[in-house]
N, C-alpha and C. Protein backbone atom coordinates (compact mmCIF):
# COMPACT_ATOMS: atom_id res chain seq x y z
N UNK A 1 0.84 -1.19 0.00
CA UNK A 1 0.00 0.00 0.00
C UNK A 1 0.88 1.25 0.00
N UNK A 2 1.32 1.65 1.19
CA UNK A 2 2.24 2.77 1.27
C UNK A 2 1.55 4.11 1.19
N UNK A 3 2.36 5.14 1.36
CA UNK A 3 1.85 6.51 1.38
C UNK A 3 1.21 6.89 0.04
N UNK A 4 1.84 6.49 -1.06
CA UNK A 4 1.38 6.94 -2.37
C UNK A 4 -0.01 6.40 -2.70
N UNK A 5 -0.33 5.19 -2.22
CA UNK A 5 -1.59 4.56 -2.60
C UNK A 5 -2.73 4.81 -1.62
N UNK A 6 -2.45 5.44 -0.50
CA UNK A 6 -3.49 5.70 0.50
C UNK A 6 -3.77 7.19 0.60
N UNK A 7 -5.02 7.56 0.33
CA UNK A 7 -5.40 8.97 0.36
C UNK A 7 -5.24 9.57 1.75
N UNK A 8 -5.69 8.84 2.77
CA UNK A 8 -5.60 9.34 4.14
C UNK A 8 -4.14 9.48 4.56
N UNK A 9 -3.34 8.46 4.24
CA UNK A 9 -1.92 8.50 4.61
C UNK A 9 -1.20 9.65 3.92
N UNK A 10 -1.58 9.92 2.67
CA UNK A 10 -0.95 11.03 1.95
C UNK A 10 -1.25 12.35 2.64
N UNK A 11 -2.50 12.53 3.04
CA UNK A 11 -2.89 13.78 3.70
C UNK A 11 -2.20 13.94 5.05
N UNK A 12 -2.11 12.85 5.80
CA UNK A 12 -1.44 12.90 7.10
C UNK A 12 0.04 13.19 6.93
N UNK A 13 0.67 12.52 5.95
CA UNK A 13 2.09 12.75 5.69
C UNK A 13 2.34 14.19 5.26
N UNK A 14 1.45 14.71 4.43
CA UNK A 14 1.54 16.09 3.97
C UNK A 14 1.42 17.04 5.16
N UNK A 15 0.47 16.78 6.04
CA UNK A 15 0.24 17.64 7.20
C UNK A 15 1.42 17.60 8.16
N UNK A 16 1.93 16.42 8.44
CA UNK A 16 3.05 16.28 9.39
C UNK A 16 4.31 16.95 8.86
N UNK A 17 4.59 16.78 7.57
CA UNK A 17 5.76 17.43 7.00
C UNK A 17 5.57 18.94 7.00
N UNK A 18 4.33 19.39 6.78
CA UNK A 18 4.05 20.82 6.83
C UNK A 18 4.23 21.39 8.22
N UNK A 19 3.76 20.68 9.24
CA UNK A 19 3.93 21.13 10.63
C UNK A 19 5.40 21.19 11.00
N UNK A 20 6.17 20.23 10.53
CA UNK A 20 7.62 20.25 10.77
C UNK A 20 8.25 21.50 10.15
N UNK A 21 7.86 21.83 8.93
CA UNK A 21 8.41 23.01 8.26
C UNK A 21 7.94 24.30 8.92
N UNK A 22 6.72 24.31 9.44
CA UNK A 22 6.21 25.48 10.17
C UNK A 22 7.05 25.71 11.42
N UNK A 23 7.38 24.64 12.12
CA UNK A 23 8.23 24.75 13.31
C UNK A 23 9.59 25.32 12.94
N UNK A 24 10.19 24.81 11.86
CA UNK A 24 11.48 25.32 11.41
C UNK A 24 11.37 26.79 11.03
N UNK A 25 10.28 27.16 10.36
CA UNK A 25 10.09 28.54 9.93
C UNK A 25 10.10 29.49 11.13
N UNK A 26 9.44 29.09 12.20
CA UNK A 26 9.43 29.90 13.42
C UNK A 26 10.82 30.04 14.01
N UNK A 27 11.56 28.94 14.02
CA UNK A 27 12.94 28.98 14.53
C UNK A 27 13.82 29.85 13.65
N UNK A 28 13.63 29.75 12.34
CA UNK A 28 14.42 30.53 11.39
C UNK A 28 14.13 32.03 11.57
N UNK A 29 12.86 32.36 11.77
CA UNK A 29 12.49 33.75 11.99
C UNK A 29 13.08 34.28 13.30
N UNK A 30 13.05 33.47 14.35
CA UNK A 30 13.58 33.89 15.64
C UNK A 30 15.04 34.29 15.54
N UNK A 31 15.81 33.52 14.78
CA UNK A 31 17.23 33.84 14.60
C UNK A 31 17.39 35.07 13.72
N UNK A 32 16.64 35.13 12.63
CA UNK A 32 16.80 36.24 11.68
C UNK A 32 16.37 37.58 12.24
N UNK A 33 15.37 37.59 13.12
CA UNK A 33 14.90 38.87 13.66
C UNK A 33 15.97 39.51 14.55
N UNK A 34 16.90 38.71 15.06
CA UNK A 34 17.98 39.29 15.86
C UNK A 34 18.89 40.18 15.01
N UNK A 35 18.82 40.03 13.68
CA UNK A 35 19.66 40.86 12.81
C UNK A 35 19.25 42.33 12.87
N UNK A 36 18.00 42.61 13.25
CA UNK A 36 17.55 44.00 13.37
C UNK A 36 17.55 44.46 14.82
N UNK A 37 17.79 43.53 15.73
CA UNK A 37 17.81 43.87 17.15
C UNK A 37 19.23 43.99 17.67
N UNK A 38 20.03 42.96 17.38
CA UNK A 38 21.42 42.92 17.85
C UNK A 38 22.25 42.09 16.88
N UNK A 39 22.95 42.73 15.93
CA UNK A 39 23.74 42.00 14.93
C UNK A 39 24.74 41.03 15.53
N UNK A 40 25.29 41.35 16.69
CA UNK A 40 26.25 40.44 17.32
C UNK A 40 25.58 39.12 17.70
N UNK A 41 24.37 39.21 18.22
CA UNK A 41 23.62 37.99 18.56
C UNK A 41 23.31 37.19 17.30
N UNK A 42 22.94 37.89 16.22
CA UNK A 42 22.69 37.21 14.95
C UNK A 42 23.94 36.49 14.47
N UNK A 43 25.09 37.15 14.57
CA UNK A 43 26.35 36.52 14.16
C UNK A 43 26.65 35.27 14.98
N UNK A 44 26.45 35.36 16.28
CA UNK A 44 26.74 34.23 17.15
C UNK A 44 25.83 33.04 16.86
N UNK A 45 24.53 33.32 16.67
CA UNK A 45 23.60 32.25 16.35
C UNK A 45 23.93 31.63 14.99
N UNK A 46 24.24 32.47 14.02
CA UNK A 46 24.54 31.99 12.68
C UNK A 46 25.78 31.10 12.69
N UNK A 47 26.79 31.52 13.45
CA UNK A 47 28.01 30.73 13.53
C UNK A 47 27.75 29.38 14.21
N UNK A 48 26.94 29.41 15.26
CA UNK A 48 26.60 28.16 15.95
C UNK A 48 25.86 27.21 15.02
N UNK A 49 24.84 27.73 14.32
CA UNK A 49 24.05 26.89 13.44
C UNK A 49 24.88 26.38 12.26
N UNK A 50 25.85 27.17 11.84
CA UNK A 50 26.65 26.81 10.68
C UNK A 50 27.82 25.90 10.97
N UNK A 51 28.16 25.72 12.23
CA UNK A 51 29.32 24.90 12.58
C UNK A 51 29.00 23.74 13.52
N UNK A 52 27.82 23.75 14.11
CA UNK A 52 27.45 22.67 15.02
C UNK A 52 27.24 21.38 14.24
N UNK A 53 27.91 20.32 14.66
CA UNK A 53 27.88 19.06 13.90
C UNK A 53 26.48 18.44 13.88
N UNK A 54 25.73 18.58 14.97
CA UNK A 54 24.37 18.04 15.02
C UNK A 54 23.48 18.75 14.01
N UNK A 55 23.59 20.07 13.96
CA UNK A 55 22.78 20.86 13.03
C UNK A 55 23.14 20.53 11.59
N UNK A 56 24.44 20.50 11.30
CA UNK A 56 24.90 20.32 9.94
C UNK A 56 24.74 18.89 9.42
N UNK A 57 25.04 17.91 10.26
CA UNK A 57 25.06 16.52 9.81
C UNK A 57 23.73 15.80 9.98
N UNK A 58 22.88 16.31 10.89
CA UNK A 58 21.62 15.61 11.17
C UNK A 58 20.41 16.47 10.81
N UNK A 59 20.30 17.65 11.44
CA UNK A 59 19.11 18.47 11.26
C UNK A 59 19.00 19.05 9.86
N UNK A 60 20.12 19.46 9.28
CA UNK A 60 20.07 20.05 7.93
C UNK A 60 19.60 19.04 6.88
N UNK A 61 20.14 17.82 6.85
CA UNK A 61 19.62 16.83 5.90
C UNK A 61 18.14 16.51 6.13
N UNK A 62 17.73 16.45 7.40
CA UNK A 62 16.32 16.19 7.71
C UNK A 62 15.45 17.32 7.16
N UNK A 63 15.92 18.56 7.32
CA UNK A 63 15.17 19.71 6.82
C UNK A 63 15.04 19.66 5.30
N UNK A 64 16.14 19.38 4.62
CA UNK A 64 16.11 19.31 3.16
C UNK A 64 15.16 18.20 2.70
N UNK A 65 15.24 17.06 3.37
CA UNK A 65 14.32 15.96 3.04
C UNK A 65 12.88 16.38 3.28
N UNK A 66 12.63 17.09 4.39
CA UNK A 66 11.28 17.54 4.72
C UNK A 66 10.71 18.46 3.66
N UNK A 67 11.55 19.38 3.16
CA UNK A 67 11.11 20.30 2.11
C UNK A 67 10.76 19.54 0.83
N UNK A 68 11.69 18.67 0.40
CA UNK A 68 11.47 17.89 -0.83
C UNK A 68 10.24 17.00 -0.70
N UNK A 69 10.13 16.31 0.43
CA UNK A 69 9.00 15.41 0.67
C UNK A 69 7.68 16.16 0.64
N UNK A 70 7.64 17.32 1.29
CA UNK A 70 6.41 18.11 1.37
C UNK A 70 5.95 18.54 -0.02
N UNK A 71 6.87 18.98 -0.84
CA UNK A 71 6.48 19.44 -2.17
C UNK A 71 6.11 18.28 -3.09
N UNK A 72 6.79 17.15 -2.94
CA UNK A 72 6.41 15.97 -3.74
C UNK A 72 5.01 15.50 -3.36
N UNK A 73 4.74 15.43 -2.06
CA UNK A 73 3.41 15.02 -1.61
C UNK A 73 2.34 16.01 -2.05
N UNK A 74 2.68 17.30 -2.01
CA UNK A 74 1.73 18.31 -2.45
C UNK A 74 1.38 18.15 -3.92
N UNK A 75 2.39 17.86 -4.73
CA UNK A 75 2.16 17.66 -6.16
C UNK A 75 1.31 16.42 -6.40
N UNK A 76 1.62 15.34 -5.68
CA UNK A 76 0.84 14.10 -5.83
C UNK A 76 -0.61 14.32 -5.44
N UNK A 77 -0.83 15.00 -4.32
CA UNK A 77 -2.20 15.28 -3.86
C UNK A 77 -2.95 16.13 -4.87
N UNK A 78 -2.27 17.12 -5.43
CA UNK A 78 -2.92 17.99 -6.42
C UNK A 78 -3.34 17.19 -7.64
N UNK A 79 -2.46 16.35 -8.15
CA UNK A 79 -2.78 15.54 -9.33
C UNK A 79 -3.91 14.57 -9.03
N UNK A 80 -3.84 13.88 -7.88
CA UNK A 80 -4.89 12.92 -7.52
C UNK A 80 -6.23 13.62 -7.33
N UNK A 81 -6.21 14.79 -6.70
CA UNK A 81 -7.46 15.52 -6.46
C UNK A 81 -8.09 15.99 -7.77
N UNK A 82 -7.26 16.44 -8.69
CA UNK A 82 -7.79 16.89 -9.98
C UNK A 82 -8.40 15.72 -10.76
N UNK A 83 -7.72 14.59 -10.71
CA UNK A 83 -8.22 13.41 -11.44
C UNK A 83 -9.50 12.85 -10.83
N UNK A 84 -9.63 13.00 -9.50
CA UNK A 84 -10.78 12.42 -8.82
C UNK A 84 -11.95 13.38 -8.68
N UNK A 85 -11.76 14.63 -9.06
CA UNK A 85 -12.81 15.63 -8.85
C UNK A 85 -14.04 15.32 -9.70
N UNK A 86 -15.17 15.19 -9.03
CA UNK A 86 -16.41 14.84 -9.73
C UNK A 86 -17.04 16.06 -10.40
N UNK A 87 -16.88 17.23 -9.78
CA UNK A 87 -17.49 18.44 -10.31
C UNK A 87 -16.54 19.09 -11.30
N UNK A 88 -16.98 19.27 -12.53
CA UNK A 88 -16.13 19.85 -13.56
C UNK A 88 -15.98 21.35 -13.34
N UNK A 89 -14.95 21.92 -13.97
CA UNK A 89 -14.64 23.32 -13.76
C UNK A 89 -15.78 24.24 -14.19
N UNK A 90 -16.55 23.85 -15.22
CA UNK A 90 -17.60 24.75 -15.68
C UNK A 90 -18.73 24.90 -14.67
N UNK A 91 -18.87 23.95 -13.75
CA UNK A 91 -19.91 24.06 -12.73
C UNK A 91 -19.34 24.44 -11.38
N UNK A 92 -18.02 24.76 -11.36
CA UNK A 92 -17.36 25.09 -10.09
C UNK A 92 -17.80 26.48 -9.63
N UNK A 93 -18.12 26.61 -8.37
CA UNK A 93 -18.68 27.84 -7.85
C UNK A 93 -17.69 28.71 -7.10
N UNK A 94 -16.42 28.44 -7.25
CA UNK A 94 -15.40 29.30 -6.66
C UNK A 94 -15.47 29.34 -5.16
N UNK A 95 -15.57 30.56 -4.61
CA UNK A 95 -15.54 30.76 -3.17
C UNK A 95 -16.75 30.17 -2.45
N UNK A 96 -17.77 29.76 -3.21
CA UNK A 96 -18.91 29.10 -2.59
C UNK A 96 -18.48 27.79 -1.94
N UNK A 97 -17.51 27.12 -2.56
CA UNK A 97 -17.07 25.82 -2.08
C UNK A 97 -15.75 25.87 -1.33
N UNK A 98 -14.89 26.81 -1.64
CA UNK A 98 -13.57 26.86 -1.01
C UNK A 98 -12.97 28.25 -1.16
N UNK A 99 -11.90 28.47 -0.44
CA UNK A 99 -11.23 29.77 -0.49
C UNK A 99 -10.23 29.81 -1.63
N UNK A 100 -9.84 31.02 -2.00
CA UNK A 100 -8.83 31.18 -3.05
C UNK A 100 -7.53 30.52 -2.62
N UNK A 101 -7.16 30.68 -1.34
CA UNK A 101 -5.92 30.11 -0.83
C UNK A 101 -5.91 28.59 -0.97
N UNK A 102 -7.03 27.95 -0.63
CA UNK A 102 -7.09 26.49 -0.70
C UNK A 102 -7.06 25.99 -2.14
N UNK A 103 -7.67 26.74 -3.06
CA UNK A 103 -7.70 26.31 -4.47
C UNK A 103 -6.37 26.51 -5.17
N UNK A 104 -5.54 27.37 -4.62
CA UNK A 104 -4.29 27.71 -5.29
C UNK A 104 -3.06 27.36 -4.47
N UNK A 105 -3.18 26.33 -3.64
CA UNK A 105 -2.04 25.89 -2.84
C UNK A 105 -0.86 25.47 -3.72
N UNK A 106 -1.14 24.84 -4.85
CA UNK A 106 -0.07 24.39 -5.72
C UNK A 106 0.67 25.57 -6.33
N UNK A 107 -0.06 26.66 -6.63
CA UNK A 107 0.56 27.85 -7.21
C UNK A 107 1.45 28.54 -6.18
N UNK A 108 0.89 28.79 -5.00
CA UNK A 108 1.68 29.43 -3.95
C UNK A 108 2.86 28.54 -3.57
N UNK A 109 2.64 27.22 -3.58
CA UNK A 109 3.72 26.29 -3.25
C UNK A 109 4.85 26.34 -4.26
N UNK A 110 4.52 26.43 -5.55
CA UNK A 110 5.55 26.49 -6.59
C UNK A 110 6.34 27.79 -6.51
N UNK A 111 5.65 28.89 -6.20
CA UNK A 111 6.35 30.17 -6.04
C UNK A 111 7.31 30.09 -4.85
N UNK A 112 6.85 29.50 -3.76
CA UNK A 112 7.70 29.34 -2.58
C UNK A 112 8.90 28.45 -2.90
N UNK A 113 8.66 27.39 -3.68
CA UNK A 113 9.75 26.50 -4.07
C UNK A 113 10.80 27.24 -4.90
N UNK A 114 10.33 28.08 -5.83
CA UNK A 114 11.26 28.88 -6.63
C UNK A 114 12.03 29.85 -5.74
N UNK A 115 11.33 30.43 -4.76
CA UNK A 115 11.99 31.34 -3.82
C UNK A 115 13.05 30.60 -3.00
N UNK A 116 12.75 29.38 -2.59
CA UNK A 116 13.73 28.60 -1.83
C UNK A 116 14.99 28.36 -2.66
N UNK A 117 14.80 28.17 -3.97
CA UNK A 117 15.95 28.03 -4.85
C UNK A 117 16.82 29.28 -4.82
N UNK A 118 16.19 30.46 -4.88
CA UNK A 118 16.92 31.72 -4.80
C UNK A 118 17.59 31.86 -3.44
N UNK A 119 16.85 31.51 -2.39
CA UNK A 119 17.37 31.63 -1.03
C UNK A 119 18.59 30.72 -0.83
N UNK A 120 18.52 29.51 -1.35
CA UNK A 120 19.67 28.60 -1.28
C UNK A 120 20.85 29.17 -2.06
N UNK A 121 20.56 29.76 -3.22
CA UNK A 121 21.62 30.37 -4.03
C UNK A 121 22.26 31.54 -3.30
N UNK A 122 21.46 32.32 -2.61
CA UNK A 122 21.96 33.51 -1.91
C UNK A 122 22.78 33.17 -0.68
N UNK A 123 22.35 32.18 0.08
CA UNK A 123 22.96 31.94 1.38
C UNK A 123 23.56 30.55 1.57
N UNK A 124 22.80 29.52 1.23
CA UNK A 124 23.26 28.16 1.53
C UNK A 124 24.45 27.76 0.66
N UNK A 125 24.35 27.98 -0.66
CA UNK A 125 25.43 27.59 -1.57
C UNK A 125 26.74 28.32 -1.26
N UNK A 126 26.73 29.65 -1.06
CA UNK A 126 27.98 30.33 -0.69
C UNK A 126 28.56 29.82 0.62
N UNK A 127 27.67 29.49 1.56
CA UNK A 127 28.13 28.98 2.86
C UNK A 127 28.81 27.63 2.70
N UNK A 128 28.22 26.76 1.89
CA UNK A 128 28.84 25.45 1.63
C UNK A 128 30.19 25.62 0.94
N UNK A 129 30.28 26.59 0.04
CA UNK A 129 31.53 26.84 -0.68
C UNK A 129 32.63 27.30 0.27
N UNK A 130 32.30 28.24 1.14
CA UNK A 130 33.29 28.78 2.07
C UNK A 130 33.75 27.72 3.07
N UNK A 131 32.82 26.97 3.61
CA UNK A 131 33.15 26.02 4.68
C UNK A 131 33.79 24.74 4.17
N UNK A 132 33.23 24.18 3.11
CA UNK A 132 33.64 22.83 2.72
C UNK A 132 34.53 22.76 1.49
N UNK A 133 34.52 23.79 0.66
CA UNK A 133 35.42 23.80 -0.50
C UNK A 133 36.66 24.64 -0.23
N UNK A 134 36.45 25.79 0.44
CA UNK A 134 37.60 26.62 0.80
C UNK A 134 38.19 26.21 2.15
N UNK A 135 37.43 25.45 2.91
CA UNK A 135 37.92 24.95 4.19
C UNK A 135 37.99 25.99 5.29
N UNK A 136 37.19 27.05 5.18
CA UNK A 136 37.19 28.11 6.19
C UNK A 136 35.98 27.95 7.11
N UNK A 137 36.22 27.44 8.30
CA UNK A 137 35.15 27.24 9.28
C UNK A 137 35.14 28.34 10.34
N UNK A 138 35.98 29.35 10.15
CA UNK A 138 36.13 30.38 11.18
C UNK A 138 34.91 31.29 11.28
N UNK A 139 34.24 31.54 10.15
CA UNK A 139 33.11 32.45 10.14
C UNK A 139 33.51 33.91 10.20
N UNK A 140 34.80 34.19 10.04
CA UNK A 140 35.31 35.56 10.17
C UNK A 140 35.30 36.29 8.84
N UNK A 141 35.18 37.62 8.91
CA UNK A 141 35.29 38.45 7.71
C UNK A 141 36.64 38.26 7.06
N UNK A 142 37.68 38.19 7.89
CA UNK A 142 39.05 37.94 7.44
C UNK A 142 39.60 36.76 8.23
N UNK A 143 39.69 35.59 7.63
CA UNK A 143 40.15 34.40 8.35
C UNK A 143 41.53 34.56 8.98
N UNK A 144 42.32 35.49 8.44
CA UNK A 144 43.67 35.70 8.97
C UNK A 144 43.71 36.72 10.10
N UNK A 145 42.56 37.31 10.40
CA UNK A 145 42.50 38.33 11.45
C UNK A 145 41.39 37.95 12.44
N UNK A 146 41.78 37.46 13.60
CA UNK A 146 40.79 36.99 14.59
C UNK A 146 39.95 38.13 15.13
N UNK A 147 40.38 39.36 14.91
CA UNK A 147 39.64 40.52 15.41
C UNK A 147 38.72 41.13 14.36
N UNK A 148 38.61 40.49 13.21
CA UNK A 148 37.81 41.06 12.12
C UNK A 148 36.31 40.91 12.34
N UNK A 149 35.92 40.01 13.23
CA UNK A 149 34.49 39.81 13.51
C UNK A 149 33.85 38.82 12.55
N UNK A 150 32.69 38.32 12.95
CA UNK A 150 31.97 37.37 12.10
C UNK A 150 31.44 38.04 10.84
N UNK A 151 31.28 37.26 9.79
CA UNK A 151 30.88 37.77 8.47
C UNK A 151 29.39 37.68 8.19
N UNK A 152 28.62 36.98 9.01
CA UNK A 152 27.24 36.63 8.65
C UNK A 152 26.33 37.84 8.49
N UNK A 153 26.40 38.78 9.41
CA UNK A 153 25.54 39.97 9.31
C UNK A 153 25.91 40.79 8.09
N UNK A 154 27.20 40.96 7.83
CA UNK A 154 27.64 41.73 6.67
C UNK A 154 27.15 41.09 5.38
N UNK A 155 27.18 39.77 5.32
CA UNK A 155 26.70 39.07 4.12
C UNK A 155 25.20 39.24 3.96
N UNK A 156 24.48 39.19 5.06
CA UNK A 156 23.02 39.37 5.01
C UNK A 156 22.66 40.75 4.50
N UNK A 157 23.30 41.76 5.05
CA UNK A 157 23.04 43.14 4.64
C UNK A 157 23.35 43.33 3.15
N UNK A 158 24.47 42.75 2.72
CA UNK A 158 24.88 42.88 1.32
C UNK A 158 23.81 42.32 0.37
N UNK A 159 23.20 41.21 0.74
CA UNK A 159 22.19 40.59 -0.11
C UNK A 159 20.95 41.46 -0.28
N UNK A 160 20.69 42.32 0.70
CA UNK A 160 19.49 43.15 0.64
C UNK A 160 19.78 44.57 0.18
N UNK A 161 20.89 44.75 -0.50
CA UNK A 161 21.18 46.05 -1.11
C UNK A 161 20.27 46.29 -2.32
N UNK A 162 20.02 45.24 -3.07
CA UNK A 162 19.24 45.35 -4.31
C UNK A 162 17.74 45.46 -4.03
N UNK A 163 17.09 46.53 -4.51
CA UNK A 163 15.64 46.65 -4.32
C UNK A 163 14.86 45.57 -5.06
N UNK A 164 15.43 45.07 -6.17
CA UNK A 164 14.76 44.01 -6.92
C UNK A 164 14.73 42.73 -6.09
N UNK A 165 15.86 42.39 -5.48
CA UNK A 165 15.91 41.19 -4.66
C UNK A 165 14.97 41.32 -3.45
N UNK A 166 14.95 42.50 -2.86
CA UNK A 166 14.04 42.74 -1.72
C UNK A 166 12.60 42.57 -2.16
N UNK A 167 12.27 43.08 -3.35
CA UNK A 167 10.91 42.94 -3.87
C UNK A 167 10.53 41.48 -4.09
N UNK A 168 11.47 40.70 -4.62
CA UNK A 168 11.22 39.27 -4.83
C UNK A 168 10.98 38.56 -3.51
N UNK A 169 11.80 38.89 -2.52
CA UNK A 169 11.65 38.28 -1.20
C UNK A 169 10.29 38.64 -0.60
N UNK A 170 9.91 39.90 -0.70
CA UNK A 170 8.63 40.34 -0.12
C UNK A 170 7.46 39.66 -0.80
N UNK A 171 7.51 39.54 -2.13
CA UNK A 171 6.45 38.85 -2.87
C UNK A 171 6.35 37.39 -2.43
N UNK A 172 7.50 36.76 -2.26
CA UNK A 172 7.51 35.36 -1.83
C UNK A 172 6.90 35.21 -0.44
N UNK A 173 7.17 36.17 0.44
CA UNK A 173 6.61 36.10 1.79
C UNK A 173 5.10 36.31 1.79
N UNK A 174 4.61 37.13 0.86
CA UNK A 174 3.15 37.29 0.73
C UNK A 174 2.52 35.97 0.32
N UNK A 175 3.13 35.29 -0.65
CA UNK A 175 2.62 33.98 -1.08
C UNK A 175 2.78 32.94 0.03
N UNK A 176 3.83 33.09 0.83
CA UNK A 176 4.00 32.19 1.98
C UNK A 176 2.84 32.37 2.96
N UNK A 177 2.43 33.62 3.18
CA UNK A 177 1.29 33.89 4.06
C UNK A 177 0.02 33.23 3.53
N UNK A 178 -0.19 33.34 2.23
CA UNK A 178 -1.37 32.72 1.61
C UNK A 178 -1.32 31.20 1.79
N UNK A 179 -0.14 30.63 1.57
CA UNK A 179 0.03 29.18 1.69
C UNK A 179 -0.22 28.72 3.12
N UNK A 180 0.33 29.45 4.08
CA UNK A 180 0.16 29.09 5.49
C UNK A 180 -1.28 29.30 5.95
N UNK A 181 -1.94 30.30 5.41
CA UNK A 181 -3.31 30.64 5.83
C UNK A 181 -4.23 29.42 5.72
N UNK A 182 -4.08 28.70 4.64
CA UNK A 182 -4.89 27.48 4.49
C UNK A 182 -4.16 26.25 5.02
N UNK A 183 -2.88 26.10 4.65
CA UNK A 183 -2.15 24.88 4.95
C UNK A 183 -1.94 24.60 6.42
N UNK A 184 -1.54 25.63 7.18
CA UNK A 184 -1.25 25.43 8.60
C UNK A 184 -2.52 25.05 9.36
N UNK A 185 -3.59 25.78 9.10
CA UNK A 185 -4.85 25.52 9.81
C UNK A 185 -5.41 24.14 9.46
N UNK A 186 -5.39 23.79 8.18
CA UNK A 186 -5.97 22.51 7.76
C UNK A 186 -5.13 21.32 8.20
N UNK A 187 -3.84 21.55 8.47
CA UNK A 187 -2.98 20.44 8.88
C UNK A 187 -3.41 19.85 10.22
N UNK A 188 -3.93 20.69 11.10
CA UNK A 188 -4.40 20.17 12.40
C UNK A 188 -5.56 19.20 12.20
N UNK A 189 -6.46 19.56 11.30
CA UNK A 189 -7.60 18.69 11.01
C UNK A 189 -7.14 17.39 10.37
N UNK A 190 -6.12 17.48 9.50
CA UNK A 190 -5.64 16.29 8.80
C UNK A 190 -5.03 15.26 9.74
N UNK A 191 -4.41 15.74 10.83
CA UNK A 191 -3.78 14.80 11.77
C UNK A 191 -4.70 14.44 12.93
N UNK A 192 -5.97 14.92 12.88
CA UNK A 192 -6.96 14.46 13.84
C UNK A 192 -7.28 15.36 15.01
N UNK A 193 -6.85 16.64 14.95
CA UNK A 193 -7.17 17.56 16.04
C UNK A 193 -8.57 18.15 15.85
N UNK A 194 -9.58 17.31 15.86
CA UNK A 194 -10.96 17.76 15.75
C UNK A 194 -11.63 17.67 17.12
N UNK A 195 -11.26 18.57 18.01
CA UNK A 195 -11.79 18.54 19.37
C UNK A 195 -12.06 19.96 19.85
N UNK A 196 -12.18 20.14 21.15
CA UNK A 196 -12.53 21.45 21.69
C UNK A 196 -11.44 22.49 21.46
N UNK A 197 -10.23 22.03 21.12
CA UNK A 197 -9.14 22.97 20.87
C UNK A 197 -9.02 23.38 19.41
N UNK A 198 -9.88 22.83 18.56
CA UNK A 198 -9.77 23.07 17.12
C UNK A 198 -9.86 24.55 16.76
N UNK A 199 -10.83 25.26 17.34
CA UNK A 199 -11.00 26.68 17.02
C UNK A 199 -9.79 27.49 17.46
N UNK A 200 -9.27 27.18 18.64
CA UNK A 200 -8.10 27.91 19.14
C UNK A 200 -6.88 27.64 18.27
N UNK A 201 -6.70 26.39 17.85
CA UNK A 201 -5.58 26.04 16.99
C UNK A 201 -5.70 26.72 15.63
N UNK A 202 -6.92 26.79 15.11
CA UNK A 202 -7.14 27.46 13.83
C UNK A 202 -6.82 28.95 13.93
N UNK A 203 -7.25 29.59 15.01
CA UNK A 203 -6.95 31.00 15.21
C UNK A 203 -5.45 31.23 15.33
N UNK A 204 -4.79 30.34 16.08
CA UNK A 204 -3.33 30.44 16.22
C UNK A 204 -2.65 30.32 14.86
N UNK A 205 -3.12 29.36 14.04
CA UNK A 205 -2.54 29.15 12.73
C UNK A 205 -2.72 30.37 11.83
N UNK A 206 -3.90 31.01 11.89
CA UNK A 206 -4.16 32.19 11.08
C UNK A 206 -3.26 33.35 11.50
N UNK A 207 -3.10 33.53 12.81
CA UNK A 207 -2.23 34.60 13.31
C UNK A 207 -0.79 34.33 12.89
N UNK A 208 -0.36 33.10 13.04
CA UNK A 208 0.99 32.71 12.65
C UNK A 208 1.22 32.97 11.16
N UNK A 209 0.21 32.64 10.35
CA UNK A 209 0.31 32.79 8.90
C UNK A 209 0.51 34.24 8.48
N UNK A 210 0.10 35.17 9.32
CA UNK A 210 0.29 36.60 9.03
C UNK A 210 1.55 37.14 9.69
N UNK A 211 1.72 36.84 10.96
CA UNK A 211 2.81 37.45 11.75
C UNK A 211 4.19 37.06 11.22
N UNK A 212 4.42 35.77 10.96
CA UNK A 212 5.75 35.33 10.54
C UNK A 212 6.14 35.89 9.17
N UNK A 213 5.30 35.76 8.12
CA UNK A 213 5.67 36.36 6.84
C UNK A 213 5.84 37.88 6.91
N UNK A 214 4.95 38.56 7.63
CA UNK A 214 5.09 40.02 7.79
C UNK A 214 6.39 40.34 8.51
N UNK A 215 6.75 39.51 9.48
CA UNK A 215 8.02 39.70 10.19
C UNK A 215 9.20 39.58 9.25
N UNK A 216 9.17 38.60 8.36
CA UNK A 216 10.25 38.44 7.39
C UNK A 216 10.30 39.63 6.42
N UNK A 217 9.13 40.12 6.01
CA UNK A 217 9.08 41.30 5.14
C UNK A 217 9.70 42.49 5.85
N UNK A 218 9.38 42.66 7.13
CA UNK A 218 9.94 43.76 7.91
C UNK A 218 11.46 43.67 7.95
N UNK A 219 11.99 42.47 8.17
CA UNK A 219 13.45 42.29 8.22
C UNK A 219 14.08 42.69 6.90
N UNK A 220 13.51 42.21 5.79
CA UNK A 220 14.06 42.52 4.47
C UNK A 220 14.04 44.02 4.19
N UNK A 221 12.91 44.66 4.48
CA UNK A 221 12.79 46.10 4.24
C UNK A 221 13.71 46.90 5.16
N UNK A 222 13.81 46.48 6.41
CA UNK A 222 14.67 47.18 7.37
C UNK A 222 16.13 47.13 6.93
N UNK A 223 16.59 45.94 6.56
CA UNK A 223 17.98 45.79 6.15
C UNK A 223 18.28 46.57 4.87
N UNK A 224 17.27 46.67 3.99
CA UNK A 224 17.46 47.43 2.76
C UNK A 224 17.42 48.94 3.02
N UNK A 225 16.39 49.40 3.70
CA UNK A 225 16.21 50.83 3.92
C UNK A 225 17.27 51.41 4.84
N UNK A 226 17.80 50.61 5.72
CA UNK A 226 18.82 51.08 6.65
C UNK A 226 20.13 51.39 5.96
N UNK A 227 20.27 50.91 4.70
CA UNK A 227 21.49 51.17 3.94
C UNK A 227 21.39 52.43 3.09
N UNK A 228 20.17 52.94 2.92
CA UNK A 228 19.97 54.13 2.09
C UNK A 228 20.48 55.37 2.79
N UNK A 229 20.95 56.36 2.02
CA UNK A 229 21.42 57.61 2.64
C UNK A 229 20.30 58.29 3.43
N UNK A 230 20.63 58.76 4.60
CA UNK A 230 19.63 59.42 5.45
C UNK A 230 19.76 60.94 5.35
């Protein structure tokens, strides 16, 4: 049987992988928001996450697998749902039956996937190059100068110099909010949280779906605008 052949198992697997990614997203935001509060703290956290063997050898591969698995399952569910849909598009009543966010999860998901590619290109790939190809695990701006300070904040600021890149990031975060608005809330139902806490969990999911993406937009705009002449 397996996940692929069971509709219920596919939905549960999709929900669990989504909840895992939501948890990571919150952790990622917590670290990134320190870049606008205290750059030194951001540098310290970034260095820890980038050099800790547990994070690099265990958690990072699990995260990558989680992302790939979630998008594969999402694609499979979309294809299966389209093939099994009894009501044809000409009789579809739009918002009468579902929300725009729920009907376009695959679109918002693909945009987010493309954004993740850009994000990996901006940060993950250069980090892998510096650490594992150049062999520099120091995290310093100048590896030959121990007093030069960590490089992570400077690299982050540099990436947000371009208004075009900032615009792309902000657009992606808007689509992330749309994706979370439906996905996070529905994931609780998929894994069986249909009890007295359902309404509270749904409200929490909706708030999370707005606060976290808006927080990321704020970080991107702050880092960009803070570089402009005053």
